[in-house]
C-alpha atoms as a PDB file:
ATOM      1  CA  UNK A   1       0.000   0.000   0.000  1.00  0.00           C
ATOM      2  CA  UNK A   2       2.534   2.584  -1.187  1.00  0.00           C
ATOM      3  CA  UNK A   3      -0.467   4.868  -1.719  1.00  0.00           C
ATOM      4  CA  UNK A   4      -0.095   6.094   1.869  1.00  0.00           C
ATOM      5  CA  UNK A   5       3.581   7.029   1.847  1.00  0.00           C
ATOM      6  CA  UNK A   6       3.882  10.738   2.531  1.00  0.00           C
ATOM      7  CA  UNK A   7       0.098  11.229   2.468  1.00  0.00           C
ATOM      8  CA  UNK A   8      -1.449  13.716   4.901  1.00  0.00           C
ATOM      9  CA  UNK A   9      -4.159  11.687   6.596  1.00  0.00           C
ATOM     10  CA  UNK A  10      -6.742  12.949   9.064  1.00  0.00           C
ATOM     11  CA  UNK A  11      -7.725  10.062  11.329  1.00  0.00           C
ATOM     12  CA  UNK A  12     -11.038  11.073  12.895  1.00  0.00           C
ATOM     13  CA  UNK A  13     -11.531   9.152  16.130  1.00  0.00           C
ATOM     14  CA  UNK A  14      -7.931   7.992  16.005  1.00  0.00           C
ATOM     15  CA  UNK A  15      -7.517   7.744  19.792  1.00  0.00           C
ATOM     16  CA  UNK A  16     -10.067   4.935  20.090  1.00  0.00           C
ATOM     17  CA  UNK A  17      -9.789   1.151  19.903  1.00  0.00           C
ATOM     18  CA  UNK A  18      -9.842   0.711  16.135  1.00  0.00           C
ATOM     19  CA  UNK A  19      -8.417   4.186  15.512  1.00  0.00           C
ATOM     20  CA  UNK A  20      -5.124   3.565  17.315  1.00  0.00           C
ATOM     21  CA  UNK A  21      -4.628   0.355  15.337  1.00  0.00           C
ATOM     22  CA  UNK A  22      -5.262   2.239  12.080  1.00  0.00           C
ATOM     23  CA  UNK A  23      -2.758   4.862  13.274  1.00  0.00           C
ATOM     24  CA  UNK A  24      -0.143   2.196  13.953  1.00  0.00           C
ATOM     25  CA  UNK A  25      -0.491   0.741  10.457  1.00  0.00           C
ATOM     26  CA  UNK A  26      -0.559   4.148   8.750  1.00  0.00           C
ATOM     27  CA  UNK A  27       2.725   5.091  10.399  1.00  0.00           C
ATOM     28  CA  UNK A  28       4.155   1.766   9.212  1.00  0.00           C
ATOM     29  CA  UNK A  29       3.111   2.777   5.695  1.00  0.00           C
ATOM     30  CA  UNK A  30       4.791   6.194   5.926  1.00  0.00           C
ATOM     31  CA  UNK A  31       1.715   8.406   6.289  1.00  0.00           C
ATOM     32  CA  UNK A  32       1.713  11.784   8.054  1.00  0.00           C
ATOM     33  CA  UNK A  33      -1.235  11.369  10.400  1.00  0.00           C
ATOM     34  CA  UNK A  34      -3.259  13.918  12.327  1.00  0.00           C
ATOM     35  CA  UNK A  35      -5.407  12.247  14.973  1.00  0.00           C
ATOM     36  CA  UNK A  36      -8.560  14.289  15.683  1.00  0.00           C
ATOM     37  CA  UNK A  37     -10.420  13.102  18.784  1.00  0.00           C
ATOM     38  CA  UNK A  38     -12.344  14.590  21.729  1.00  0.00           C
ATOM     39  CA  UNK A  39     -11.244  11.716  24.009  1.00  0.00           C
ATOM     40  CA  UNK A  40     -14.824  10.908  25.046  1.00  0.00           C
ATOM     41  CA  UNK A  41     -13.927   7.239  24.738  1.00  0.00           C
ATOM     42  CA  UNK A  42     -10.431   7.300  23.259  1.00  0.00           C
ATOM     43  CA  UNK A  43      -7.105   7.717  25.011  1.00  0.00           C
ATOM     44  CA  UNK A  44      -4.354  10.219  24.269  1.00  0.00           C
ATOM     45  CA  UNK A  45      -1.956   7.879  26.090  1.00  0.00           C
ATOM     46  CA  UNK A  46      -2.768   5.163  23.538  1.00  0.00           C
ATOM     47  CA  UNK A  47      -1.801   7.546  20.728  1.00  0.00           C
ATOM     48  CA  UNK A  48       1.470   8.396  22.479  1.00  0.00           C
ATOM     49  CA  UNK A  49       2.124   4.692  23.008  1.00  0.00           C
ATOM     50  CA  UNK A  50       1.847   4.114  19.258  1.00  0.00           C
ATOM     51  CA  UNK A  51       4.161   7.045  18.605  1.00  0.00           C
ATOM     52  CA  UNK A  52       6.765   5.687  21.041  1.00  0.00           C
ATOM     53  CA  UNK A  53       6.599   2.293  19.341  1.00  0.00           C
ATOM     54  CA  UNK A  54       7.717   4.010  16.132  1.00  0.00           C
ATOM     55  CA  UNK A  55      10.366   6.151  17.820  1.00  0.00           C
ATOM     56  CA  UNK A  56       8.484   9.456  17.801  1.00  0.00           C
ATOM     57  CA  UNK A  57       9.018  11.780  20.758  1.00  0.00           C
ATOM     58  CA  UNK A  58       6.510  14.566  21.299  1.00  0.00           C
ATOM     59  CA  UNK A  59       7.440  18.004  22.536  1.00  0.00           C
ATOM     60  CA  UNK A  60       5.644  20.124  25.099  1.00  0.00           C
ATOM     61  CA  UNK A  61       2.953  19.184  27.579  1.00  0.00           C
ATOM     62  CA  UNK A  62       0.475  16.362  26.967  1.00  0.00           C
ATOM     63  CA  UNK A  63      -2.193  18.696  28.362  1.00  0.00           C
ATOM     64  CA  UNK A  64      -2.021  20.914  25.287  1.00  0.00           C
ATOM     65  CA  UNK A  65      -4.770  20.576  22.700  1.00  0.00           C
ATOM     66  CA  UNK A  66      -2.244  19.910  19.941  1.00  0.00           C
ATOM     67  CA  UNK A  67       0.791  17.649  20.339  1.00  0.00           C
ATOM     68  CA  UNK A  68       3.296  17.005  17.560  1.00  0.00           C
ATOM     69  CA  UNK A  69       6.088  14.546  16.905  1.00  0.00           C
ATOM     70  CA  UNK A  70       7.842  14.853  13.548  1.00  0.00           C
ATOM     71  CA  UNK A  71       5.069  14.400  10.922  1.00  0.00           C
ATOM     72  CA  UNK A  72       2.579  13.017  13.455  1.00  0.00           C
ATOM     73  CA  UNK A  73       0.030  15.144  15.283  1.00  0.00           C
ATOM     74  CA  UNK A  74      -2.666  14.750  17.888  1.00  0.00           C
ATOM     75  CA  UNK A  75      -5.346  17.439  17.904  1.00  0.00           C
ATOM     76  CA  UNK A  76      -8.090  17.566  20.505  1.00  0.00           C
ATOM     77  CA  UNK A  77     -11.201  18.125  18.409  1.00  0.00           C
ATOM     78  CA  UNK A  78     -14.947  17.878  18.885  1.00  0.00           C
ATOM     79  CA  UNK A  79     -15.890  16.807  15.374  1.00  0.00           C
ATOM     80  CA  UNK A  80     -19.545  17.562  16.043  1.00  0.00           C
ATOM     81  CA  UNK A  81     -18.526  21.247  15.969  1.00  0.00           C
ATOM     82  CA  UNK A  82     -18.168  22.201  12.310  1.00  0.00           C
ATOM     83  CA  UNK A  83     -15.657  24.975  13.044  1.00  0.00           C
ATOM     84  CA  UNK A  84     -13.361  22.540  14.855  1.00  0.00           C
ATOM     85  CA  UNK A  85     -13.784  19.956  12.106  1.00  0.00           C
ATOM     86  CA  UNK A  86     -12.786  22.568   9.520  1.00  0.00           C
ATOM     87  CA  UNK A  87      -9.621  23.463  11.434  1.00  0.00           C
ATOM     88  CA  UNK A  88      -8.631  19.807  11.708  1.00  0.00           C
ATOM     89  CA  UNK A  89      -9.324  19.212   8.009  1.00  0.00           C
ATOM     90  CA  UNK A  90      -7.104  22.010   6.654  1.00  0.00           C
ATOM     91  CA  UNK A  91      -4.355  20.708   4.395  1.00  0.00           C
ATOM     92  CA  UNK A  92      -5.385  17.057   4.604  1.00  0.00           C
ATOM     93  CA  UNK A  93      -5.439  14.719   1.595  1.00  0.00           C
ATOM     94  CA  UNK A  94      -7.197  11.643   2.983  1.00  0.00           C
ATOM     95  CA  UNK A  95      -9.772  11.331   5.767  1.00  0.00           C
ATOM     96  CA  UNK A  96     -10.347   8.046   7.580  1.00  0.00           C
ATOM     97  CA  UNK A  97     -13.436   8.521   9.715  1.00  0.00           C
ATOM     98  CA  UNK A  98     -13.756   6.006  12.558  1.00  0.00           C
ATOM     99  CA  UNK A  99     -15.203   8.481  15.069  1.00  0.00           C
ATOM    100  CA  UNK A 100     -18.590   7.719  16.629  1.00  0.00           C
ATOM    101  CA  UNK A 101     -20.515   7.728  19.872  1.00  0.00           C
ATOM    102  CA  UNK A 102     -20.080   4.053  20.599  1.00  0.00           C
ATOM    103  CA  UNK A 103     -20.166   1.280  23.160  1.00  0.00           C
ATOM    104  CA  UNK A 104     -21.156  -2.352  23.377  1.00  0.00           C
ATOM    105  CA  UNK A 105     -24.657  -3.806  23.388  1.00  0.00           C
ATOM    106  CA  UNK A 106     -25.437  -2.449  26.838  1.00  0.00           C
ATOM    107  CA  UNK A 107     -24.507   1.052  25.673  1.00  0.00           C
ATOM    108  CA  UNK A 108     -26.458   0.766  22.420  1.00  0.00           C
ATOM    109  CA  UNK A 109     -29.607  -0.455  24.164  1.00  0.00           C
ATOM    110  CA  UNK A 110     -29.601   1.959  27.112  1.00  0.00           C
ATOM    111  CA  UNK A 111     -28.159   5.195  25.651  1.00  0.00           C
ATOM    112  CA  UNK A 112     -29.909   5.748  22.316  1.00  0.00           C
ATOM    113  CA  UNK A 113     -29.882   9.550  22.617  1.00  0.00           C
ATOM    114  CA  UNK A 114     -26.117   9.517  23.072  1.00  0.00           C
ATOM    115  CA  UNK A 115     -25.763   7.319  19.987  1.00  0.00           C
ATOM    116  CA  UNK A 116     -27.553   9.987  17.966  1.00  0.00           C
ATOM    117  CA  UNK A 117     -24.535  12.239  18.476  1.00  0.00           C
ATOM    118  CA  UNK A 118     -22.989  10.397  15.534  1.00  0.00           C
ATOM    119  CA  UNK A 119     -25.413  12.164  13.171  1.00  0.00           C
ATOM    120  CA  UNK A 120     -23.717  15.478  13.953  1.00  0.00           C
ATOM    121  CA  UNK A 121     -20.200  14.033  13.875  1.00  0.00           C
ATOM    122  CA  UNK A 122     -20.760  12.535  10.440  1.00  0.00           C
ATOM    123  CA  UNK A 123     -22.286  15.679   8.959  1.00  0.00           C
ATOM    124  CA  UNK A 124     -19.511  17.982  10.180  1.00  0.00           C
ATOM    125  CA  UNK A 125     -16.789  15.583   9.074  1.00  0.00           C
ATOM    126  CA  UNK A 126     -18.134  15.091   5.544  1.00  0.00           C
ATOM    127  CA  UNK A 127     -18.987  18.747   5.013  1.00  0.00           C
ATOM    128  CA  UNK A 128     -15.611  19.943   6.275  1.00  0.00           C
ATOM    129  CA  UNK A 129     -13.805  17.344   4.147  1.00  0.00           C
ATOM    130  CA  UNK A 130     -15.590  18.439   0.992  1.00  0.00           C
ATOM    131  CA  UNK A 131     -14.982  22.135   1.742  1.00  0.00           C
ATOM    132  CA  UNK A 132     -11.282  21.434   2.339  1.00  0.00           C
ATOM    133  CA  UNK A 133     -10.945  19.650  -1.003  1.00  0.00           C
ATOM    134  CA  UNK A 134      -9.608  16.380   0.412  1.00  0.00           C
ATOM    135  CA  UNK A 135      -9.011  13.636  -2.126  1.00  0.00           C
ATOM    136  CA  UNK A 136     -11.128  10.964  -0.444  1.00  0.00           C
ATOM    137  CA  UNK A 137     -13.021   9.974   2.717  1.00  0.00           C
ATOM    138  CA  UNK A 138     -13.361   6.553   4.281  1.00  0.00           C
ATOM    139  CA  UNK A 139     -16.289   5.859   6.621  1.00  0.00           C
ATOM    140  CA  UNK A 140     -16.403   3.107   9.236  1.00  0.00           C
ATOM    141  CA  UNK A 141     -19.898   1.632   9.358  1.00  0.00           C
ATOM    142  CA  UNK A 142     -21.390  -1.420  11.048  1.00  0.00           C
ATOM    143  CA  UNK A 143     -23.390  -4.608  10.656  1.00  0.00           C
ATOM    144  CA  UNK A 144     -26.041  -2.843  12.741  1.00  0.00           C
ATOM    145  CA  UNK A 145     -27.317  -1.341   9.472  1.00  0.00           C
ATOM    146  CA  UNK A 146     -28.850  -4.721   8.563  1.00  0.00           C
ATOM    147  CA  UNK A 147     -32.510  -5.619   9.271  1.00  0.00           C
ATOM    148  CA  UNK A 148     -33.260  -7.527  12.454  1.00  0.00           C
ATOM    149  CA  UNK A 149     -35.683  -9.698  10.452  1.00  0.00           C
ATOM    150  CA  UNK A 150     -32.664 -11.396   8.843  1.00  0.00           C
ATOM    151  CA  UNK A 151     -31.023 -12.047  12.218  1.00  0.00           C
ATOM    152  CA  UNK A 152     -33.790 -13.070  14.618  1.00  0.00           C
ATOM    153  CA  UNK A 153     -33.515 -16.871  14.518  1.00  0.00           C
ATOM    154  CA  UNK A 154     -31.028 -19.076  16.343  1.00  0.00           C
ATOM    155  CA  UNK A 155     -28.785 -21.296  14.205  1.00  0.00           C
ATOM    156  CA  UNK A 156     -29.241 -19.280  11.021  1.00  0.00           C
ATOM    157  CA  UNK A 157     -26.855 -20.021   8.170  1.00  0.00           C
ATOM    158  CA  UNK A 158     -27.623 -16.814   6.255  1.00  0.00           C
ATOM    159  CA  UNK A 159     -24.707 -14.485   5.561  1.00  0.00           C
ATOM    160  CA  UNK A 160     -25.682 -10.824   5.397  1.00  0.00           C
ATOM    161  CA  UNK A 161     -24.885  -9.258   2.031  1.00  0.00           C
ATOM    162  CA  UNK A 162     -24.202  -5.582   1.430  1.00  0.00           C
ATOM    163  CA  UNK A 163     -27.420  -5.086  -0.561  1.00  0.00           C
ATOM    164  CA  UNK A 164     -29.486  -6.371   2.379  1.00  0.00           C
ATOM    165  CA  UNK A 165     -29.264  -2.932   3.993  1.00  0.00           C
ATOM    166  CA  UNK A 166     -31.870  -1.821   1.429  1.00  0.00           C
ATOM    167  CA  UNK A 167     -33.668  -5.142   1.138  1.00  0.00           C
ATOM    168  CA  UNK A 168     -36.778  -4.766  -1.040  1.00  0.00           C
ATOM    169  CA  UNK A 169     -36.146  -1.015  -1.094  1.00  0.00           C
ATOM    170  CA  UNK A 170     -36.612  -0.681   2.670  1.00  0.00           C
ATOM    171  CA  UNK A 171     -34.042  -0.012   5.401  1.00  0.00           C
ATOM    172  CA  UNK A 172     -34.515  -1.331   8.940  1.00  0.00           C
ATOM    173  CA  UNK A 173     -31.503  -0.726  11.159  1.00  0.00           C
ATOM    174  CA  UNK A 174     -30.552  -1.930  14.632  1.00  0.00           C
ATOM    175  CA  UNK A 175     -31.672   0.844  17.018  1.00  0.00           C
ATOM    176  CA  UNK A 176     -30.477   4.457  16.983  1.00  0.00           C
ATOM    177  CA  UNK A 177     -26.834   3.410  16.698  1.00  0.00           C
ATOM    178  CA  UNK A 178     -27.512   1.468  13.493  1.00  0.00           C
ATOM    179  CA  UNK A 179     -29.574   4.302  12.006  1.00  0.00           C
ATOM    180  CA  UNK A 180     -26.872   6.877  12.782  1.00  0.00           C
ATOM    181  CA  UNK A 181     -24.289   4.712  11.046  1.00  0.00           C
ATOM    182  CA  UNK A 182     -26.530   4.013   8.055  1.00  0.00           C
ATOM    183  CA  UNK A 183     -27.424   7.671   7.571  1.00  0.00           C
ATOM    184  CA  UNK A 184     -23.690   8.392   7.613  1.00  0.00           C
ATOM    185  CA  UNK A 185     -23.317   6.014   4.674  1.00  0.00           C
ATOM    186  CA  UNK A 186     -26.101   7.782   2.799  1.00  0.00           C
ATOM    187  CA  UNK A 187     -24.650  11.223   3.509  1.00  0.00           C
ATOM    188  CA  UNK A 188     -21.195  10.261   2.243  1.00  0.00           C
ATOM    189  CA  UNK A 189     -22.806   8.776  -0.860  1.00  0.00           C
ATOM    190  CA  UNK A 190     -24.753  12.027  -1.320  1.00  0.00           C
ATOM    191  CA  UNK A 191     -21.521  14.057  -1.247  1.00  0.00           C
ATOM    192  CA  UNK A 192     -20.092  11.675  -3.829  1.00  0.00           C
ATOM    193  CA  UNK A 193     -23.150  11.931  -6.093  1.00  0.00           C
ATOM    194  CA  UNK A 194     -23.568  15.702  -5.844  1.00  0.00           C
ATOM    195  CA  UNK A 195     -19.987  16.938  -5.530  1.00  0.00           C
ATOM    196  CA  UNK A 196     -17.831  14.049  -6.736  1.00  0.00           C
ATOM    197  CA  UNK A 197     -16.197  13.443  -3.345  1.00  0.00           C
ATOM    198  CA  UNK A 198     -14.440  10.084  -3.453  1.00  0.00           C
ATOM    199  CA  UNK A 199     -15.631   7.788  -0.700  1.00  0.00           C
ATOM    200  CA  UNK A 200     -15.419   4.260   0.677  1.00  0.00           C
ATOM    201  CA  UNK A 201     -17.429   2.434   3.343  1.00  0.00           C
ATOM    202  CA  UNK A 202     -16.631  -0.659   5.400  1.00  0.00           C
ATOM    203  CA  UNK A 203     -19.126  -2.425   7.642  1.00  0.00           C
ATOM    204  CA  UNK A 204     -17.530  -3.944  10.731  1.00  0.00           C
ATOM    205  CA  UNK A 205     -18.951  -6.832  12.747  1.00  0.00           C
ATOM    206  CA  UNK A 206     -17.951  -7.533  16.369  1.00  0.00           C
ATOM    207  CA  UNK A 207     -14.383  -6.294  16.063  1.00  0.00           C
ATOM    208  CA  UNK A 208     -12.162  -7.286  18.994  1.00  0.00           C
ATOM    209  CA  UNK A 209      -8.544  -7.124  20.075  1.00  0.00           C
ATOM    210  CA  UNK A 210      -6.120  -5.220  22.273  1.00  0.00           C
ATOM    211  CA  UNK A 211      -7.015  -1.706  23.453  1.00  0.00           C
ATOM    212  CA  UNK A 212     -10.759  -2.461  23.372  1.00  0.00           C
ATOM    213  CA  UNK A 213     -12.735  -1.733  26.552  1.00  0.00           C
ATOM    214  CA  UNK A 214     -15.085  -3.933  28.529  1.00  0.00           C
ATOM    215  CA  UNK A 215     -18.315  -2.376  27.300  1.00  0.00           C
ATOM    216  CA  UNK A 216     -17.789  -4.887  24.475  1.00  0.00           C
ATOM    217  CA  UNK A 217     -18.486  -8.587  24.828  1.00  0.00           C
ATOM    218  CA  UNK A 218     -15.079 -10.167  24.223  1.00  0.00           C
ATOM    219  CA  UNK A 219     -13.195  -7.933  26.668  1.00  0.00           C
ATOM    220  CA  UNK A 220     -15.989  -8.223  29.252  1.00  0.00           C
ATOM    221  CA  UNK A 221     -15.826 -12.021  29.053  1.00  0.00           C
ATOM    222  CA  UNK A 222     -12.020 -12.003  29.265  1.00  0.00           C
ATOM    223  CA  UNK A 223     -12.130  -9.636  32.241  1.00  0.00           C
ATOM    224  CA  UNK A 224     -14.492 -11.910  34.174  1.00  0.00           C
ATOM    225  CA  UNK A 225     -12.297 -14.908  33.438  1.00  0.00           C
ATOM    226  CA  UNK A 226      -9.034 -13.183  34.425  1.00  0.00           C
ATOM    227  CA  UNK A 227     -10.688 -11.961  37.640  1.00  0.00           C
ATOM    228  CA  UNK A 228     -11.816 -15.535  38.375  1.00  0.00           C
ATOM    229  CA  UNK A 229     -15.454 -14.538  38.672  1.00  0.00           C
ATOM    230  CA  UNK A 230     -17.596 -17.298  40.193  1.00  0.00           C
ATOM    231  CA  UNK A 231     -20.427 -17.353  39.397  1.00  0.00           C
ATOM    232  CA  UNK A 232     -19.320 -16.421  35.905  1.00  0.00           C
ATOM    233  CA  UNK A 233     -22.157 -14.465  34.274  1.00  0.00           C
ATOM    234  CA  UNK A 234     -22.849 -14.448  30.524  1.00  0.00           C
ATOM    235  CA  UNK A 235     -25.404 -12.104  28.981  1.00  0.00           C
ATOM    236  CA  UNK A 236     -28.236 -13.879  27.180  1.00  0.00           C
ATOM    237  CA  UNK A 237     -28.868 -17.576  26.669  1.00  0.00           C
ATOM    238  CA  UNK A 238     -25.440 -18.257  25.207  1.00  0.00           C
ATOM    239  CA  UNK A 239     -27.141 -19.637  22.100  1.00  0.00           C
ATOM    240  CA  UNK A 240     -26.836 -16.320  20.230  1.00  0.00           C
ATOM    241  CA  UNK A 241     -23.984 -16.243  17.731  1.00  0.00           C
ATOM    242  CA  UNK A 242     -21.709 -13.687  16.137  1.00  0.00           C
ATOM    243  CA  UNK A 243     -19.096 -13.243  13.425  1.00  0.00           C
ATOM    244  CA  UNK A 244     -15.918 -12.009  15.163  1.00  0.00           C
ATOM    245  CA  UNK A 245     -13.243 -10.059  13.250  1.00  0.00           C
ATOM    246  CA  UNK A 246      -9.828  -9.437  14.795  1.00  0.00           C
ATOM    247  CA  UNK A 247      -8.812  -5.783  14.769  1.00  0.00           C
ATOM    248  CA  UNK A 248      -5.722  -6.279  12.570  1.00  0.00           C
ATOM    249  CA  UNK A 249      -7.962  -7.681   9.836  1.00  0.00           C
ATOM    250  CA  UNK A 250     -10.332  -4.728  10.238  1.00  0.00           C
ATOM    251  CA  UNK A 251      -7.421  -2.328   9.759  1.00  0.00           C
ATOM    252  CA  UNK A 252      -6.140  -4.012   6.610  1.00  0.00           C
ATOM    253  CA  UNK A 253      -9.601  -4.048   5.043  1.00  0.00           C
ATOM    254  CA  UNK A 254     -10.152  -0.409   5.972  1.00  0.00           C
ATOM    255  CA  UNK A 255      -6.911   0.776   4.371  1.00  0.00           C
ATOM    256  CA  UNK A 256      -7.418  -1.330   1.248  1.00  0.00           C
ATOM    257  CA  UNK A 257     -10.924   0.086   0.832  1.00  0.00           C
ATOM    258  CA  UNK A 258      -9.727   3.670   1.346  1.00  0.00           C
ATOM    259  CA  UNK A 259      -7.145   3.225  -1.395  1.00  0.00           C
ATOM    260  CA  UNK A 260      -9.187   1.243  -3.907  1.00  0.00           C
ATOM    261  CA  UNK A 261     -12.877   2.163  -3.531  1.00  0.00           C
ATOM    262  CA  UNK A 262     -13.976   5.673  -4.538  1.00  0.00           C
ATOM    263  CA  UNK A 263     -17.697   5.333  -5.377  1.00  0.00           C
ATOM    264  CA  UNK A 264     -18.976   4.567  -1.832  1.00  0.00           C
ATOM    265  CA  UNK A 265     -19.635   0.892  -2.581  1.00  0.00           C
ATOM    266  CA  UNK A 266     -20.084  -0.644   0.912  1.00  0.00           C
ATOM    267  CA  UNK A 267     -17.822  -3.545   1.883  1.00  0.00           C
ATOM    268  CA  UNK A 268     -18.422  -6.147   4.617  1.00  0.00           C
ATOM    269  CA  UNK A 269     -15.368  -6.931   6.761  1.00  0.00           C
ATOM    270  CA  UNK A 270     -16.429 -10.198   8.354  1.00  0.00           C
ATOM    271  CA  UNK A 271     -15.104 -13.737   8.499  1.00  0.00           C
ATOM    272  CA  UNK A 272     -18.319 -15.382   7.184  1.00  0.00           C
ATOM    273  CA  UNK A 273     -18.171 -17.666  10.227  1.00  0.00           C
ATOM    274  CA  UNK A 274     -20.417 -17.639  13.281  1.00  0.00           C
ATOM    275  CA  UNK A 275     -19.710 -18.773  16.819  1.00  0.00           C
ATOM    276  CA  UNK A 276     -22.188 -19.288  19.638  1.00  0.00           C
ATOM    277  CA  UNK A 277     -21.431 -17.132  22.644  1.00  0.00           C
ATOM    278  CA  UNK A 278     -21.441 -20.172  24.945  1.00  0.00           C
ATOM    279  CA  UNK A 279     -18.660 -21.708  22.838  1.00  0.00           C
ATOM    280  CA  UNK A 280     -16.676 -18.459  22.850  1.00  0.00           C
ATOM    281  CA  UNK A 281     -16.975 -18.442  26.647  1.00  0.00           C
ATOM    282  CA  UNK A 282     -15.625 -21.996  26.863  1.00  0.00           C
ATOM    283  CA  UNK A 283     -12.642 -21.041  24.703  1.00  0.00           C
ATOM    284  CA  UNK A 284     -11.871 -17.964  26.802  1.00  0.00           C
ATOM    285  CA  UNK A 285     -12.133 -19.906  30.079  1.00  0.00           C
ATOM    286  CA  UNK A 286      -9.836 -22.606  28.722  1.00  0.00           C
ATOM    287  CA  UNK A 287      -7.242 -20.099  27.466  1.00  0.00           C
ATOM    288  CA  UNK A 288      -7.291 -18.197  30.760  1.00  0.00           C
ATOM    289  CA  UNK A 289      -7.336 -21.369  32.867  1.00  0.00           C
ATOM    290  CA  UNK A 290     -10.452 -20.534  34.877  1.00  0.00           C
ATOM    291  CA  UNK A 291     -12.997 -23.223  35.801  1.00  0.00           C
ATOM    292  CA  UNK A 292     -15.938 -21.517  37.569  1.00  0.00           C
ATOM    293  CA  UNK A 293     -18.245 -23.725  39.604  1.00  0.00           C
ATOM    294  CA  UNK A 294     -21.242 -21.762  38.336  1.00  0.00           C
ATOM    295  CA  UNK A 295     -21.762 -20.627  34.748  1.00  0.00           C
ATOM    296  CA  UNK A 296     -24.822 -18.362  34.734  1.00  0.00           C
ATOM    297  CA  UNK A 297     -26.642 -17.234  31.600  1.00  0.00           C
ATOM    298  CA  UNK A 298     -28.652 -14.048  32.248  1.00  0.00           C
ATOM    299  CA  UNK A 299     -31.441 -13.441  29.678  1.00  0.00           C
ATOM    300  CA  UNK A 300     -32.414 -10.136  31.326  1.00  0.00           C
ATOM    301  CA  UNK A 301     -29.294  -8.407  29.978  1.00  0.00           C
ATOM    302  CA  UNK A 302     -29.125  -6.815  26.484  1.00  0.00           C
ATOM    303  CA  UNK A 303     -28.066  -9.300  23.804  1.00  0.00           C
ATOM    304  CA  UNK A 304     -29.037  -7.774  20.445  1.00  0.00           C
ATOM    305  CA  UNK A 305     -29.929  -9.952  17.465  1.00  0.00           C
ATOM    306  CA  UNK A 306     -29.825 -13.735  17.768  1.00  0.00           C
ATOM    307  CA  UNK A 307     -27.589 -14.576  14.820  1.00  0.00           C
ATOM    308  CA  UNK A 308     -25.228 -12.401  12.771  1.00  0.00           C
ATOM    309  CA  UNK A 309     -22.490 -13.131  10.241  1.00  0.00           C
ATOM    310  CA  UNK A 310     -21.340 -11.289   7.125  1.00  0.00           C
ATOM    311  CA  UNK A 311     -20.845 -12.394   3.548  1.00  0.00           C
ATOM    312  CA  UNK A 312     -17.337 -11.226   2.608  1.00  0.00           C
ATOM    313  CA  UNK A 313     -17.240 -12.159  -1.078  1.00  0.00           C
ATOM    314  CA  UNK A 314     -17.278  -8.514  -2.187  1.00  0.00           C
ATOM    315  CA  UNK A 315     -14.210  -7.765  -0.050  1.00  0.00           C
ATOM    316  CA  UNK A 316     -12.413 -10.701  -1.639  1.00  0.00           C
ATOM    317  CA  UNK A 317     -13.391  -9.651  -5.157  1.00  0.00           C
ATOM    318  CA  UNK A 318     -12.745  -5.910  -4.940  1.00  0.00           C
ATOM    319  CA  UNK A 319      -9.947  -5.748  -2.368  1.00  0.00           C
ATOM    320  CA  UNK A 320      -8.362  -9.197  -2.408  1.00  0.00           C
ATOM    321  CA  UNK A 321      -9.009  -9.115   1.359  1.00  0.00           C
ATOM    322  CA  UNK A 322      -9.472 -12.143   3.551  1.00  0.00           C
ATOM    323  CA  UNK A 323      -9.282 -12.398   7.349  1.00  0.00           C
ATOM    324  CA  UNK A 324      -5.923 -13.751   8.494  1.00  0.00           C
ATOM    325  CA  UNK A 325      -6.809 -14.468  12.117  1.00  0.00           C
ATOM    326  CA  UNK A 326      -9.165 -17.177  13.290  1.00  0.00           C
ATOM    327  CA  UNK A 327     -11.062 -16.695  16.544  1.00  0.00           C
ATOM    328  CA  UNK A 328      -8.773 -18.887  18.647  1.00  0.00           C
ATOM    329  CA  UNK A 329      -5.637 -16.968  17.645  1.00  0.00           C
ATOM    330  CA  UNK A 330      -7.391 -13.616  18.023  1.00  0.00           C
ATOM    331  CA  UNK A 331      -8.615 -14.510  21.498  1.00  0.00           C
ATOM    332  CA  UNK A 332      -5.171 -15.732  22.532  1.00  0.00           C
ATOM    333  CA  UNK A 333      -3.579 -12.438  21.481  1.00  0.00           C
ATOM    334  CA  UNK A 334      -6.304 -10.382  23.143  1.00  0.00           C
ATOM    335  CA  UNK A 335      -6.007 -12.305  26.414  1.00  0.00           C
ATOM    336  CA  UNK A 336      -2.225 -11.850  26.431  1.00  0.00           C
ATOM    337  CA  UNK A 337      -2.701  -8.099  26.056  1.00  0.00           C
ATOM    338  CA  UNK A 338      -5.386  -7.928  28.746  1.00  0.00           C
ATOM    339  CA  UNK A 339      -3.347  -9.869  31.296  1.00  0.00           C
ATOM    340  CA  UNK A 340      -0.327  -7.611  30.703  1.00  0.00           C
ATOM    341  CA  UNK A 341      -2.191  -4.282  30.523  1.00  0.00           C
ATOM    342  CA  UNK A 342      -5.072  -4.789  32.998  1.00  0.00           C
ATOM    343  CA  UNK A 343      -7.001  -1.831  31.517  1.00  0.00           C
ATOM    344  CA  UNK A 344      -9.374   0.264  33.591  1.00  0.00           C
ATOM    345  CA  UNK A 345     -12.952  -0.994  33.586  1.00  0.00           C
ATOM    346  CA  UNK A 346     -15.630   1.157  31.933  1.00  0.00           C
ATOM    347  CA  UNK A 347     -18.369  -1.490  31.888  1.00  0.00           C
ATOM    348  CA  UNK A 348     -21.789   0.196  31.963  1.00  0.00           C
ATOM    349  CA  UNK A 349     -23.932  -2.751  33.017  1.00  0.00           C
ATOM    350  CA  UNK A 350     -22.741  -5.299  35.563  1.00  0.00           C
END
């Protein structure tokens, strides 16, 4: 991906879980990256950790709104504010937009008004990018754009295809979070159609890996295992399944799409495999070495749809992308990170 060498890239939401991994890879590829983030869920320390890994030393206080190290920059920015988005966008060539008001299923189900903040973030980011004359914009979307009617049966073998988001000419997204993400797709496409702004869209599904927090299922389950919880509580019946994509695979698909897709064609970044939560739990407990006496499944907690996995044929055809990490290897790497880092808990529902 020599496309990125020397490119000025604005990484919106670059202090978050996926964002810091995108940052890491962009620096590997020789990009000059400005991270724009309001730190509502991201971490400036995580950005500085990535910089240190690549030998960059910042100057000045970390309390300043802008920190620089060689061609890398962190800029505190509330992207919902169009004036701040415009300042961050000045001089940029490529925008990779992974910013959102986000959390796991508990967050999505209990804080719908907060999730609607993504409408404003998306509008300011796209408008400011077009005004600044950037070459292209990538938008991180989600499998939550797909209709619940295709995901409401246990043991489904149906793989969600990109065109299912407008199945029979009708959209039906997963709660306010899904609608905010889907409307972001439509707005980027509108800027492409009306103004010619180049754009790409990737739909993520249950991304996991190091630097993620425990509002998300995988880290929450790892946390309970590492802490030797007994009883060990699992949300839902355990029969619900998901398609899990390791964060390194998400990053590669994102950067390939940004480089190669310009007409806003949406791309699924999934493994096309589904795993029951109860089986994921067994794998995590075995890898951690925890054998709780009581394994409790709690159906009163938020669980989302019953079955979800993505068809990834379009990603293979257009990007030559395939996931490199299976779930066992991804879990092993994530557990190793968690045990070493012991990140602060931000779980919203116990």
